[in-house]
Amino acid sequence: MQRTLILSVLAASGLLLSACASLGTPAGLQEGQTVAIVNSLSWDNPLNGKRDGVRTSWPVKHGTIAAEYFPLAQLKQCDAGGKSCAWGVMRAQRSVPTLAYMEGGVDLTLGVAIDVARRQDARQGETQTAMAIPQDVAALVGKKQVQPSWKLKYGKVEQIDLDYGVRYQVCVQRYDAAGKAIDSCDIPFI
């Protein structure tokens, strides 16, 4: 009886220590390290043809990450001869419905949605913006929503190509206790 009790106490102690460890540092990270999701939404600027867009970095806190609402942007698509073009205003957002740490990276599911129309408006906090294409200009119209799942290694970039030349890129990056990046995410600053 005493031997069974000692084994039960040892097993319970092991489970308690294991549970305490999982509350501190996530799997695959060293003490003090943190993780951020680096992502970019880019498109061809309709006025100069150069790549334009937004690149941001969001810290992972308590295993979650905030949704991101990208600024409104104009898009343009022309026929093969370049004589006839249509314009549109894009509203886009990114969410991360699931995120779990794994050895060497994270297992995550993203939700990326774009909505292209003649007119869009967006409200973020106290700021409200609107953008429209004139009525006498041909307008682009379309919606696309994707929800890819990846086992993303730290520093590896994944990419999704969306409609109208829009591209979404994502990478996961670790930081040491001093806030210095450990991994390099090869997503250009735009």
N, C-alpha and C. Protein backbone atom coordinates (compact mmCIF):
# COMPACT_ATOMS: atom_id res chain seq x y z
N MET A 1 0.83 -1.19 0.00
CA MET A 1 0.00 0.00 0.00
C MET A 1 0.88 1.26 0.00
N GLN A 2 1.92 1.25 0.85
CA GLN A 2 2.79 2.42 0.94
C GLN A 2 3.53 2.62 -0.38
N ARG A 3 3.94 1.54 -1.04
CA ARG A 3 4.65 1.62 -2.32
C ARG A 3 3.74 2.22 -3.39
N THR A 4 2.47 1.82 -3.45
CA THR A 4 1.51 2.35 -4.40
C THR A 4 1.29 3.83 -4.16
N LEU A 5 1.20 4.23 -2.91
CA LEU A 5 0.99 5.63 -2.55
C LEU A 5 2.19 6.48 -3.00
N ILE A 6 3.41 6.00 -2.78
CA ILE A 6 4.62 6.73 -3.19
C ILE A 6 4.65 6.88 -4.71
N LEU A 7 4.34 5.82 -5.45
CA LEU A 7 4.32 5.89 -6.91
C LEU A 7 3.25 6.86 -7.38
N SER A 8 2.08 6.89 -6.75
CA SER A 8 1.01 7.80 -7.12
C SER A 8 1.42 9.25 -6.88
N VAL A 9 2.09 9.50 -5.73
CA VAL A 9 2.55 10.85 -5.42
C VAL A 9 3.61 11.28 -6.43
N LEU A 10 4.53 10.40 -6.78
CA LEU A 10 5.57 10.73 -7.77
C LEU A 10 4.95 11.02 -9.14
N ALA A 11 3.98 10.21 -9.56
CA ALA A 11 3.32 10.43 -10.85
C ALA A 11 2.58 11.76 -10.85
N ALA A 12 1.88 12.05 -9.75
CA ALA A 12 1.14 13.32 -9.65
C ALA A 12 2.11 14.50 -9.67
N SER A 13 3.25 14.38 -9.00
CA SER A 13 4.25 15.44 -8.98
C SER A 13 4.79 15.68 -10.39
N GLY A 14 5.03 14.59 -11.13
CA GLY A 14 5.52 14.71 -12.50
C GLY A 14 4.51 15.43 -13.38
N LEU A 15 3.22 15.11 -13.24
CA LEU A 15 2.19 15.78 -14.02
C LEU A 15 2.11 17.26 -13.64
N LEU A 16 2.21 17.57 -12.36
CA LEU A 16 2.16 18.96 -11.91
C LEU A 16 3.34 19.75 -12.47
N LEU A 17 4.54 19.19 -12.42
CA LEU A 17 5.71 19.87 -12.98
C LEU A 17 5.57 20.06 -14.49
N SER A 18 5.03 19.05 -15.16
CA SER A 18 4.82 19.14 -16.60
C SER A 18 3.82 20.25 -16.92
N ALA A 19 2.74 20.34 -16.15
CA ALA A 19 1.73 21.37 -16.37
C ALA A 19 2.32 22.76 -16.11
N CYS A 20 3.13 22.89 -15.07
CA CYS A 20 3.76 24.19 -14.78
C CYS A 20 4.70 24.60 -15.91
N ALA A 21 5.43 23.67 -16.43
CA ALA A 21 6.36 23.99 -17.52
C ALA A 21 5.60 24.47 -18.74
N SER A 22 4.43 23.85 -19.02
CA SER A 22 3.69 24.24 -20.22
C SER A 22 3.06 25.61 -20.06
N LEU A 23 2.85 26.10 -18.83
CA LEU A 23 2.29 27.43 -18.63
C LEU A 23 3.34 28.50 -18.88
N GLY A 24 4.61 28.20 -18.77
CA GLY A 24 5.67 29.18 -18.95
C GLY A 24 6.08 29.32 -20.40
N THR A 25 7.16 28.71 -20.77
CA THR A 25 7.73 28.82 -22.10
C THR A 25 7.04 27.84 -23.06
N PRO A 26 6.53 28.33 -24.21
CA PRO A 26 5.90 27.44 -25.17
C PRO A 26 6.89 26.42 -25.75
N ALA A 27 6.36 25.33 -26.29
CA ALA A 27 7.17 24.27 -26.88
C ALA A 27 8.13 24.83 -27.92
N GLY A 28 9.38 24.41 -27.85
CA GLY A 28 10.37 24.79 -28.85
C GLY A 28 11.01 26.14 -28.63
N LEU A 29 10.61 26.88 -27.60
CA LEU A 29 11.23 28.18 -27.32
C LEU A 29 12.06 28.08 -26.05
N GLN A 30 13.08 28.91 -25.98
CA GLN A 30 13.89 28.99 -24.77
C GLN A 30 13.31 30.07 -23.87
N GLU A 31 13.64 30.02 -22.61
CA GLU A 31 13.16 30.99 -21.64
C GLU A 31 13.42 32.42 -22.13
N GLY A 32 12.41 33.26 -22.09
CA GLY A 32 12.53 34.67 -22.48
C GLY A 32 12.29 34.95 -23.95
N GLN A 33 12.24 33.91 -24.80
CA GLN A 33 11.99 34.14 -26.22
C GLN A 33 10.52 34.42 -26.47
N THR A 34 10.26 35.27 -27.45
CA THR A 34 8.89 35.56 -27.88
C THR A 34 8.79 35.34 -29.38
N VAL A 35 7.57 35.35 -29.90
CA VAL A 35 7.33 35.08 -31.31
C VAL A 35 6.42 36.16 -31.89
N ALA A 36 6.66 36.50 -33.15
CA ALA A 36 5.81 37.45 -33.87
C ALA A 36 5.50 36.89 -35.25
N ILE A 37 4.32 37.24 -35.74
CA ILE A 37 3.92 36.91 -37.11
C ILE A 37 4.26 38.13 -37.96
N VAL A 38 5.09 37.94 -38.97
CA VAL A 38 5.44 38.99 -39.91
C VAL A 38 4.65 38.71 -41.17
N ASN A 39 3.89 39.71 -41.64
CA ASN A 39 3.13 39.47 -42.86
C ASN A 39 3.10 40.70 -43.75
N SER A 40 2.76 40.46 -45.01
CA SER A 40 2.74 41.53 -46.00
C SER A 40 1.59 41.30 -46.98
N LEU A 41 0.91 42.37 -47.32
CA LEU A 41 -0.07 42.35 -48.39
C LEU A 41 0.44 43.34 -49.42
N SER A 42 0.64 42.88 -50.67
CA SER A 42 1.22 43.76 -51.69
C SER A 42 0.47 43.64 -53.01
N TRP A 43 0.63 44.67 -53.86
CA TRP A 43 -0.03 44.76 -55.15
C TRP A 43 0.78 45.72 -56.01
N ASP A 44 0.48 45.76 -57.30
CA ASP A 44 1.14 46.72 -58.19
C ASP A 44 0.45 48.07 -58.06
N ASN A 45 1.23 49.12 -57.81
CA ASN A 45 0.68 50.46 -57.71
C ASN A 45 0.09 50.82 -59.08
N PRO A 46 -1.19 51.22 -59.15
CA PRO A 46 -1.81 51.48 -60.45
C PRO A 46 -1.25 52.71 -61.17
N LEU A 47 -0.58 53.60 -60.46
CA LEU A 47 -0.04 54.80 -61.10
C LEU A 47 1.36 54.62 -61.65
N ASN A 48 2.24 53.91 -60.90
CA ASN A 48 3.62 53.79 -61.38
C ASN A 48 4.02 52.36 -61.71
N GLY A 49 3.16 51.38 -61.46
CA GLY A 49 3.45 49.98 -61.79
C GLY A 49 4.41 49.28 -60.84
N LYS A 50 4.96 50.01 -59.86
CA LYS A 50 5.89 49.39 -58.89
C LYS A 50 5.10 48.67 -57.81
N ARG A 51 5.78 47.72 -57.17
CA ARG A 51 5.14 46.96 -56.10
C ARG A 51 4.88 47.89 -54.91
N ASP A 52 3.69 47.81 -54.36
CA ASP A 52 3.27 48.65 -53.25
C ASP A 52 2.65 47.73 -52.20
N GLY A 53 2.47 48.19 -51.00
CA GLY A 53 1.83 47.35 -50.01
C GLY A 53 2.15 47.72 -48.59
N VAL A 54 1.86 46.78 -47.70
CA VAL A 54 2.02 46.96 -46.27
C VAL A 54 2.72 45.74 -45.69
N ARG A 55 3.74 45.97 -44.84
CA ARG A 55 4.42 44.88 -44.13
C ARG A 55 4.33 45.19 -42.64
N THR A 56 3.83 44.24 -41.87
CA THR A 56 3.67 44.45 -40.43
C THR A 56 4.18 43.25 -39.65
N SER A 57 4.37 43.47 -38.36
CA SER A 57 4.78 42.41 -37.46
C SER A 57 3.88 42.47 -36.23
N TRP A 58 3.30 41.32 -35.87
CA TRP A 58 2.36 41.25 -34.75
C TRP A 58 2.85 40.24 -33.73
N PRO A 59 3.03 40.67 -32.47
CA PRO A 59 3.47 39.72 -31.44
C PRO A 59 2.39 38.70 -31.11
N VAL A 60 2.81 37.47 -30.87
CA VAL A 60 1.90 36.43 -30.41
C VAL A 60 1.83 36.55 -28.90
N LYS A 61 0.65 36.76 -28.37
CA LYS A 61 0.46 36.89 -26.91
C LYS A 61 -0.54 35.86 -26.45
N HIS A 62 -0.11 35.02 -25.51
CA HIS A 62 -0.97 33.98 -24.94
C HIS A 62 -1.50 33.05 -26.02
N GLY A 63 -0.69 32.80 -27.04
CA GLY A 63 -1.08 31.87 -28.10
C GLY A 63 -2.06 32.43 -29.10
N THR A 64 -2.29 33.74 -29.09
CA THR A 64 -3.22 34.34 -30.05
C THR A 64 -2.57 35.57 -30.69
N ILE A 65 -3.18 36.02 -31.77
CA ILE A 65 -2.72 37.21 -32.47
C ILE A 65 -3.94 38.01 -32.92
N ALA A 66 -3.82 39.31 -32.87
CA ALA A 66 -4.94 40.18 -33.24
C ALA A 66 -5.21 40.10 -34.74
N ALA A 67 -6.47 40.33 -35.10
CA ALA A 67 -6.84 40.43 -36.52
C ALA A 67 -6.22 41.71 -37.08
N GLU A 68 -5.93 41.71 -38.36
CA GLU A 68 -5.35 42.88 -39.01
C GLU A 68 -6.25 43.35 -40.14
N TYR A 69 -6.53 44.65 -40.15
CA TYR A 69 -7.31 45.27 -41.20
C TYR A 69 -6.36 46.17 -41.99
N PHE A 70 -6.10 45.80 -43.23
CA PHE A 70 -5.15 46.55 -44.05
C PHE A 70 -5.79 47.84 -44.55
N PRO A 71 -4.98 48.87 -44.86
CA PRO A 71 -5.55 50.11 -45.39
C PRO A 71 -6.15 49.89 -46.78
N LEU A 72 -7.12 50.71 -47.13
CA LEU A 72 -7.73 50.64 -48.45
C LEU A 72 -6.66 50.90 -49.51
N ALA A 73 -6.81 50.27 -50.67
CA ALA A 73 -5.84 50.44 -51.75
C ALA A 73 -6.54 50.39 -53.10
N GLN A 74 -5.98 51.11 -54.08
CA GLN A 74 -6.51 51.06 -55.44
C GLN A 74 -5.77 49.99 -56.24
N LEU A 75 -6.53 49.29 -57.08
CA LEU A 75 -5.98 48.28 -57.99
C LEU A 75 -6.37 48.64 -59.41
N LYS A 76 -5.60 48.15 -60.36
CA LYS A 76 -5.91 48.38 -61.77
C LYS A 76 -5.58 47.12 -62.55
N GLN A 77 -6.43 46.78 -63.50
CA GLN A 77 -6.16 45.65 -64.39
C GLN A 77 -6.51 46.07 -65.81
N CYS A 78 -5.55 45.87 -66.72
CA CYS A 78 -5.73 46.29 -68.12
C CYS A 78 -5.78 45.07 -69.03
N ASP A 79 -6.40 45.27 -70.22
CA ASP A 79 -6.42 44.18 -71.21
C ASP A 79 -5.02 43.99 -71.78
N ALA A 80 -4.83 42.98 -72.59
CA ALA A 80 -3.51 42.62 -73.12
C ALA A 80 -2.84 43.79 -73.84
N GLY A 81 -3.58 44.61 -74.53
CA GLY A 81 -3.00 45.74 -75.26
C GLY A 81 -2.77 46.96 -74.38
N GLY A 82 -3.33 46.95 -73.18
CA GLY A 82 -3.17 48.06 -72.27
C GLY A 82 -4.05 49.25 -72.60
N LYS A 83 -4.99 49.08 -73.54
CA LYS A 83 -5.83 50.20 -73.95
C LYS A 83 -7.05 50.36 -73.05
N SER A 84 -7.58 49.27 -72.56
CA SER A 84 -8.77 49.31 -71.72
C SER A 84 -8.42 48.81 -70.32
N CYS A 85 -8.64 49.66 -69.34
CA CYS A 85 -8.31 49.29 -67.96
C CYS A 85 -9.51 49.46 -67.04
N ALA A 86 -9.57 48.64 -66.03
CA ALA A 86 -10.60 48.76 -65.00
C ALA A 86 -9.89 48.99 -63.67
N TRP A 87 -10.52 49.77 -62.80
CA TRP A 87 -9.95 50.11 -61.50
C TRP A 87 -10.86 49.59 -60.40
N GLY A 88 -10.29 49.40 -59.25
CA GLY A 88 -11.08 48.97 -58.10
C GLY A 88 -10.44 49.41 -56.80
N VAL A 89 -11.24 49.41 -55.75
CA VAL A 89 -10.73 49.72 -54.41
C VAL A 89 -10.79 48.43 -53.60
N MET A 90 -9.65 48.09 -52.98
CA MET A 90 -9.56 46.85 -52.21
C MET A 90 -9.61 47.13 -50.71
N ARG A 91 -10.44 46.33 -50.05
CA ARG A 91 -10.45 46.27 -48.59
C ARG A 91 -10.00 44.86 -48.23
N ALA A 92 -9.06 44.73 -47.31
CA ALA A 92 -8.51 43.40 -46.99
C ALA A 92 -8.30 43.25 -45.49
N GLN A 93 -8.38 42.00 -45.05
CA GLN A 93 -8.12 41.71 -43.65
C GLN A 93 -7.50 40.33 -43.51
N ARG A 94 -6.82 40.15 -42.36
CA ARG A 94 -6.19 38.87 -42.03
C ARG A 94 -6.56 38.49 -40.61
N SER A 95 -6.89 37.23 -40.41
CA SER A 95 -7.15 36.73 -39.07
C SER A 95 -6.33 35.45 -38.87
N VAL A 96 -6.16 35.05 -37.64
CA VAL A 96 -5.45 33.82 -37.31
C VAL A 96 -6.37 33.02 -36.38
N PRO A 97 -7.27 32.21 -36.95
CA PRO A 97 -8.21 31.44 -36.12
C PRO A 97 -7.55 30.44 -35.19
N THR A 98 -6.46 29.80 -35.64
CA THR A 98 -5.77 28.84 -34.77
C THR A 98 -4.27 29.03 -34.87
N LEU A 99 -3.62 28.89 -33.71
CA LEU A 99 -2.16 28.97 -33.65
C LEU A 99 -1.71 28.11 -32.48
N ALA A 100 -0.76 27.22 -32.76
CA ALA A 100 -0.19 26.37 -31.71
C ALA A 100 1.31 26.27 -31.95
N TYR A 101 2.07 26.34 -30.86
CA TYR A 101 3.52 26.18 -30.97
C TYR A 101 3.86 24.72 -31.23
N MET A 102 4.90 24.52 -32.02
CA MET A 102 5.44 23.19 -32.26
C MET A 102 6.97 23.33 -32.25
N GLU A 103 7.65 22.24 -32.23
CA GLU A 103 9.11 22.28 -32.25
C GLU A 103 9.57 22.92 -33.56
N GLY A 104 10.29 24.04 -33.48
CA GLY A 104 10.86 24.68 -34.66
C GLY A 104 9.94 25.64 -35.38
N GLY A 105 8.74 25.91 -34.84
CA GLY A 105 7.83 26.82 -35.52
C GLY A 105 6.44 26.83 -34.91
N VAL A 106 5.47 27.17 -35.73
CA VAL A 106 4.07 27.18 -35.28
C VAL A 106 3.19 26.48 -36.29
N ASP A 107 2.12 25.94 -35.79
CA ASP A 107 1.07 25.33 -36.62
C ASP A 107 -0.06 26.36 -36.62
N LEU A 108 -0.36 26.97 -37.78
CA LEU A 108 -1.36 28.01 -37.79
C LEU A 108 -2.29 27.92 -38.97
N THR A 109 -3.47 28.45 -38.77
CA THR A 109 -4.46 28.61 -39.83
C THR A 109 -4.71 30.11 -39.96
N LEU A 110 -4.65 30.61 -41.18
CA LEU A 110 -4.88 32.02 -41.46
C LEU A 110 -6.19 32.19 -42.20
N GLY A 111 -6.81 33.32 -42.03
CA GLY A 111 -7.95 33.72 -42.85
C GLY A 111 -7.56 35.01 -43.53
N VAL A 112 -7.48 35.01 -44.86
CA VAL A 112 -7.14 36.21 -45.62
C VAL A 112 -8.31 36.49 -46.56
N ALA A 113 -8.85 37.70 -46.48
CA ALA A 113 -10.00 38.06 -47.30
C ALA A 113 -9.75 39.40 -47.99
N ILE A 114 -10.10 39.46 -49.28
CA ILE A 114 -10.07 40.73 -49.99
C ILE A 114 -11.43 40.96 -50.62
N ASP A 115 -11.82 42.22 -50.68
CA ASP A 115 -13.07 42.63 -51.28
C ASP A 115 -12.74 43.81 -52.19
N VAL A 116 -12.97 43.66 -53.49
CA VAL A 116 -12.65 44.70 -54.46
C VAL A 116 -13.96 45.20 -55.07
N ALA A 117 -14.16 46.52 -55.05
CA ALA A 117 -15.40 47.11 -55.56
C ALA A 117 -15.12 48.54 -56.03
N ARG A 118 -16.15 49.17 -56.56
CA ARG A 118 -16.03 50.56 -57.01
C ARG A 118 -15.80 51.49 -55.82
N ARG A 119 -16.43 51.18 -54.70
CA ARG A 119 -16.32 52.04 -53.51
C ARG A 119 -16.14 51.17 -52.26
N GLN A 120 -15.27 51.61 -51.38
CA GLN A 120 -15.06 50.92 -50.10
C GLN A 120 -14.92 51.97 -49.01
N ASP A 121 -15.30 51.59 -47.81
CA ASP A 121 -15.01 52.42 -46.65
C ASP A 121 -14.53 51.51 -45.53
N ALA A 122 -13.79 52.09 -44.61
CA ALA A 122 -13.23 51.31 -43.51
C ALA A 122 -13.19 52.18 -42.26
N ARG A 123 -13.47 51.56 -41.15
CA ARG A 123 -13.41 52.26 -39.86
C ARG A 123 -12.46 51.48 -38.95
N GLN A 124 -11.47 52.18 -38.42
CA GLN A 124 -10.53 51.59 -37.47
C GLN A 124 -10.43 52.55 -36.30
N GLY A 125 -11.02 52.17 -35.19
CA GLY A 125 -11.05 53.04 -34.03
C GLY A 125 -11.84 54.30 -34.35
N GLU A 126 -11.23 55.44 -34.16
CA GLU A 126 -11.88 56.72 -34.43
C GLU A 126 -11.68 57.19 -35.87
N THR A 127 -10.91 56.45 -36.66
CA THR A 127 -10.60 56.87 -38.02
C THR A 127 -11.50 56.16 -39.03
N GLN A 128 -12.11 56.94 -39.89
CA GLN A 128 -12.92 56.36 -40.96
C GLN A 128 -12.37 56.87 -42.29
N THR A 129 -12.16 55.94 -43.22
CA THR A 129 -11.65 56.30 -44.54
C THR A 129 -12.60 55.76 -45.60
N ALA A 130 -12.57 56.40 -46.77
CA ALA A 130 -13.38 55.94 -47.90
C ALA A 130 -12.61 56.24 -49.17
N MET A 131 -12.83 55.42 -50.17
CA MET A 131 -12.18 55.60 -51.46
C MET A 131 -13.16 55.10 -52.53
N ALA A 132 -13.19 55.80 -53.67
CA ALA A 132 -14.12 55.41 -54.74
C ALA A 132 -13.50 55.63 -56.11
N ILE A 133 -13.95 54.84 -57.05
CA ILE A 133 -13.57 54.97 -58.46
C ILE A 133 -14.70 55.75 -59.15
N PRO A 134 -14.38 56.76 -59.98
CA PRO A 134 -15.43 57.53 -60.65
C PRO A 134 -16.37 56.64 -61.48
N GLN A 135 -17.60 57.09 -61.61
CA GLN A 135 -18.64 56.32 -62.31
C GLN A 135 -18.32 56.10 -63.79
N ASP A 136 -17.56 57.00 -64.42
CA ASP A 136 -17.26 56.85 -65.84
C ASP A 136 -16.04 55.96 -66.12
N VAL A 137 -15.50 55.31 -65.09
CA VAL A 137 -14.36 54.40 -65.23
C VAL A 137 -14.84 52.97 -64.96
N ALA A 138 -14.40 52.03 -65.80
CA ALA A 138 -14.76 50.62 -65.58
C ALA A 138 -14.24 50.16 -64.22
N ALA A 139 -15.07 49.40 -63.50
CA ALA A 139 -14.71 49.02 -62.13
C ALA A 139 -14.45 47.52 -62.01
N LEU A 140 -13.47 47.18 -61.20
CA LEU A 140 -13.19 45.79 -60.83
C LEU A 140 -14.13 45.42 -59.68
N VAL A 141 -14.61 44.19 -59.72
CA VAL A 141 -15.47 43.71 -58.65
C VAL A 141 -15.09 42.26 -58.35
N GLY A 142 -14.90 41.96 -57.09
CA GLY A 142 -14.60 40.58 -56.73
C GLY A 142 -14.32 40.42 -55.25
N LYS A 143 -14.57 39.23 -54.77
CA LYS A 143 -14.28 38.88 -53.37
C LYS A 143 -13.55 37.56 -53.37
N LYS A 144 -12.60 37.45 -52.45
CA LYS A 144 -11.87 36.19 -52.32
C LYS A 144 -11.52 36.01 -50.86
N GLN A 145 -11.73 34.80 -50.38
CA GLN A 145 -11.36 34.47 -49.01
C GLN A 145 -10.67 33.12 -49.03
N VAL A 146 -9.50 33.05 -48.43
CA VAL A 146 -8.74 31.80 -48.34
C VAL A 146 -8.43 31.53 -46.87
N GLN A 147 -8.28 30.25 -46.54
CA GLN A 147 -7.96 29.89 -45.16
C GLN A 147 -6.93 28.75 -45.17
N PRO A 148 -5.68 29.09 -45.52
CA PRO A 148 -4.64 28.05 -45.55
C PRO A 148 -4.18 27.67 -44.14
N SER A 149 -3.71 26.43 -44.02
CA SER A 149 -3.11 25.94 -42.77
C SER A 149 -1.69 25.52 -43.08
N TRP A 150 -0.76 25.92 -42.22
CA TRP A 150 0.65 25.58 -42.42
C TRP A 150 1.28 25.17 -41.11
N LYS A 151 2.25 24.29 -41.19
CA LYS A 151 3.19 24.04 -40.12
C LYS A 151 4.41 24.87 -40.51
N LEU A 152 4.45 26.10 -40.03
CA LEU A 152 5.40 27.10 -40.49
C LEU A 152 6.65 27.12 -39.61
N LYS A 153 7.78 26.80 -40.21
CA LYS A 153 9.07 26.83 -39.51
C LYS A 153 9.50 28.29 -39.32
N TYR A 154 10.20 28.57 -38.23
CA TYR A 154 10.69 29.93 -37.98
C TYR A 154 11.57 30.39 -39.14
N GLY A 155 11.29 31.59 -39.67
CA GLY A 155 12.09 32.17 -40.74
C GLY A 155 11.67 31.76 -42.14
N LYS A 156 10.74 30.82 -42.30
CA LYS A 156 10.31 30.38 -43.64
C LYS A 156 9.12 31.22 -44.09
N VAL A 157 9.17 31.72 -45.31
CA VAL A 157 8.11 32.57 -45.86
C VAL A 157 7.16 31.71 -46.70
N GLU A 158 5.86 31.87 -46.45
CA GLU A 158 4.82 31.25 -47.29
C GLU A 158 4.09 32.37 -48.02
N GLN A 159 3.54 32.05 -49.19
CA GLN A 159 2.91 33.07 -50.03
C GLN A 159 1.59 32.55 -50.59
N ILE A 160 0.63 33.47 -50.70
CA ILE A 160 -0.65 33.19 -51.36
C ILE A 160 -0.83 34.26 -52.42
N ASP A 161 -1.10 33.84 -53.66
CA ASP A 161 -1.41 34.79 -54.73
C ASP A 161 -2.93 34.89 -54.84
N LEU A 162 -3.43 36.11 -54.74
CA LEU A 162 -4.86 36.38 -54.81
C LEU A 162 -5.20 37.05 -56.14
N ASP A 163 -6.42 37.45 -56.32
CA ASP A 163 -6.86 38.09 -57.56
C ASP A 163 -6.22 39.47 -57.76
N TYR A 164 -6.19 39.92 -59.02
CA TYR A 164 -5.73 41.26 -59.41
C TYR A 164 -4.27 41.54 -59.01
N GLY A 165 -3.45 40.52 -58.94
CA GLY A 165 -2.03 40.69 -58.63
C GLY A 165 -1.74 40.93 -57.16
N VAL A 166 -2.71 40.70 -56.30
CA VAL A 166 -2.51 40.89 -54.86
C VAL A 166 -1.79 39.65 -54.32
N ARG A 167 -0.80 39.89 -53.46
CA ARG A 167 0.00 38.80 -52.89
C ARG A 167 0.05 38.95 -51.37
N TYR A 168 -0.15 37.84 -50.67
CA TYR A 168 -0.02 37.83 -49.21
C TYR A 168 1.15 36.93 -48.85
N GLN A 169 2.05 37.42 -47.99
CA GLN A 169 3.19 36.64 -47.51
C GLN A 169 3.19 36.62 -45.99
N VAL A 170 3.62 35.50 -45.41
CA VAL A 170 3.65 35.38 -43.96
C VAL A 170 4.89 34.60 -43.53
N CYS A 171 5.41 34.94 -42.35
CA CYS A 171 6.59 34.30 -41.78
C CYS A 171 6.48 34.41 -40.26
N VAL A 172 7.07 33.46 -39.55
CA VAL A 172 7.07 33.49 -38.09
C VAL A 172 8.51 33.71 -37.63
N GLN A 173 8.68 34.64 -36.69
CA GLN A 173 10.02 35.05 -36.28
C GLN A 173 10.12 35.02 -34.75
N ARG A 174 11.25 34.50 -34.24
CA ARG A 174 11.51 34.50 -32.80
C ARG A 174 12.37 35.70 -32.43
N TYR A 175 12.17 36.15 -31.20
CA TYR A 175 12.98 37.23 -30.63
C TYR A 175 13.56 36.75 -29.31
N ASP A 176 14.80 37.18 -29.01
CA ASP A 176 15.40 36.79 -27.73
C ASP A 176 14.85 37.69 -26.62
N ALA A 177 15.28 37.45 -25.39
CA ALA A 177 14.77 38.19 -24.23
C ALA A 177 15.05 39.69 -24.33
N ALA A 178 16.08 40.07 -25.08
CA ALA A 178 16.41 41.50 -25.26
C ALA A 178 15.63 42.13 -26.42
N GLY A 179 14.79 41.35 -27.12
CA GLY A 179 14.00 41.87 -28.23
C GLY A 179 14.70 41.85 -29.57
N LYS A 180 15.85 41.17 -29.66
CA LYS A 180 16.59 41.07 -30.93
C LYS A 180 16.07 39.86 -31.72
N ALA A 181 15.87 40.06 -33.03
CA ALA A 181 15.36 38.99 -33.89
C ALA A 181 16.38 37.85 -33.98
N ILE A 182 15.89 36.63 -33.81
CA ILE A 182 16.72 35.43 -33.94
C ILE A 182 16.64 34.91 -35.37
N ASP A 183 15.46 34.99 -35.95
CA ASP A 183 15.23 34.48 -37.30
C ASP A 183 15.08 35.63 -38.27
N SER A 184 15.39 35.38 -39.54
CA SER A 184 15.24 36.37 -40.59
C SER A 184 14.04 36.02 -41.44
N CYS A 185 13.12 36.96 -41.61
CA CYS A 185 11.96 36.77 -42.48
C CYS A 185 12.21 37.55 -43.76
N ASP A 186 12.40 36.87 -44.86
CA ASP A 186 12.72 37.49 -46.14
C ASP A 186 11.45 38.01 -46.82
N ILE A 187 10.79 38.95 -46.15
CA ILE A 187 9.63 39.65 -46.71
C ILE A 187 10.06 41.10 -46.86
N PRO A 188 10.06 41.63 -48.08
CA PRO A 188 10.59 42.98 -48.28
C PRO A 188 9.76 44.06 -47.58
N PHE A 189 10.46 45.10 -47.15
CA PHE A 189 9.77 46.30 -46.65
C PHE A 189 9.32 47.08 -47.88
N ILE A 190 8.11 47.53 -47.87
CA ILE A 190 7.56 48.20 -49.04
C ILE A 190 7.41 49.68 -48.75
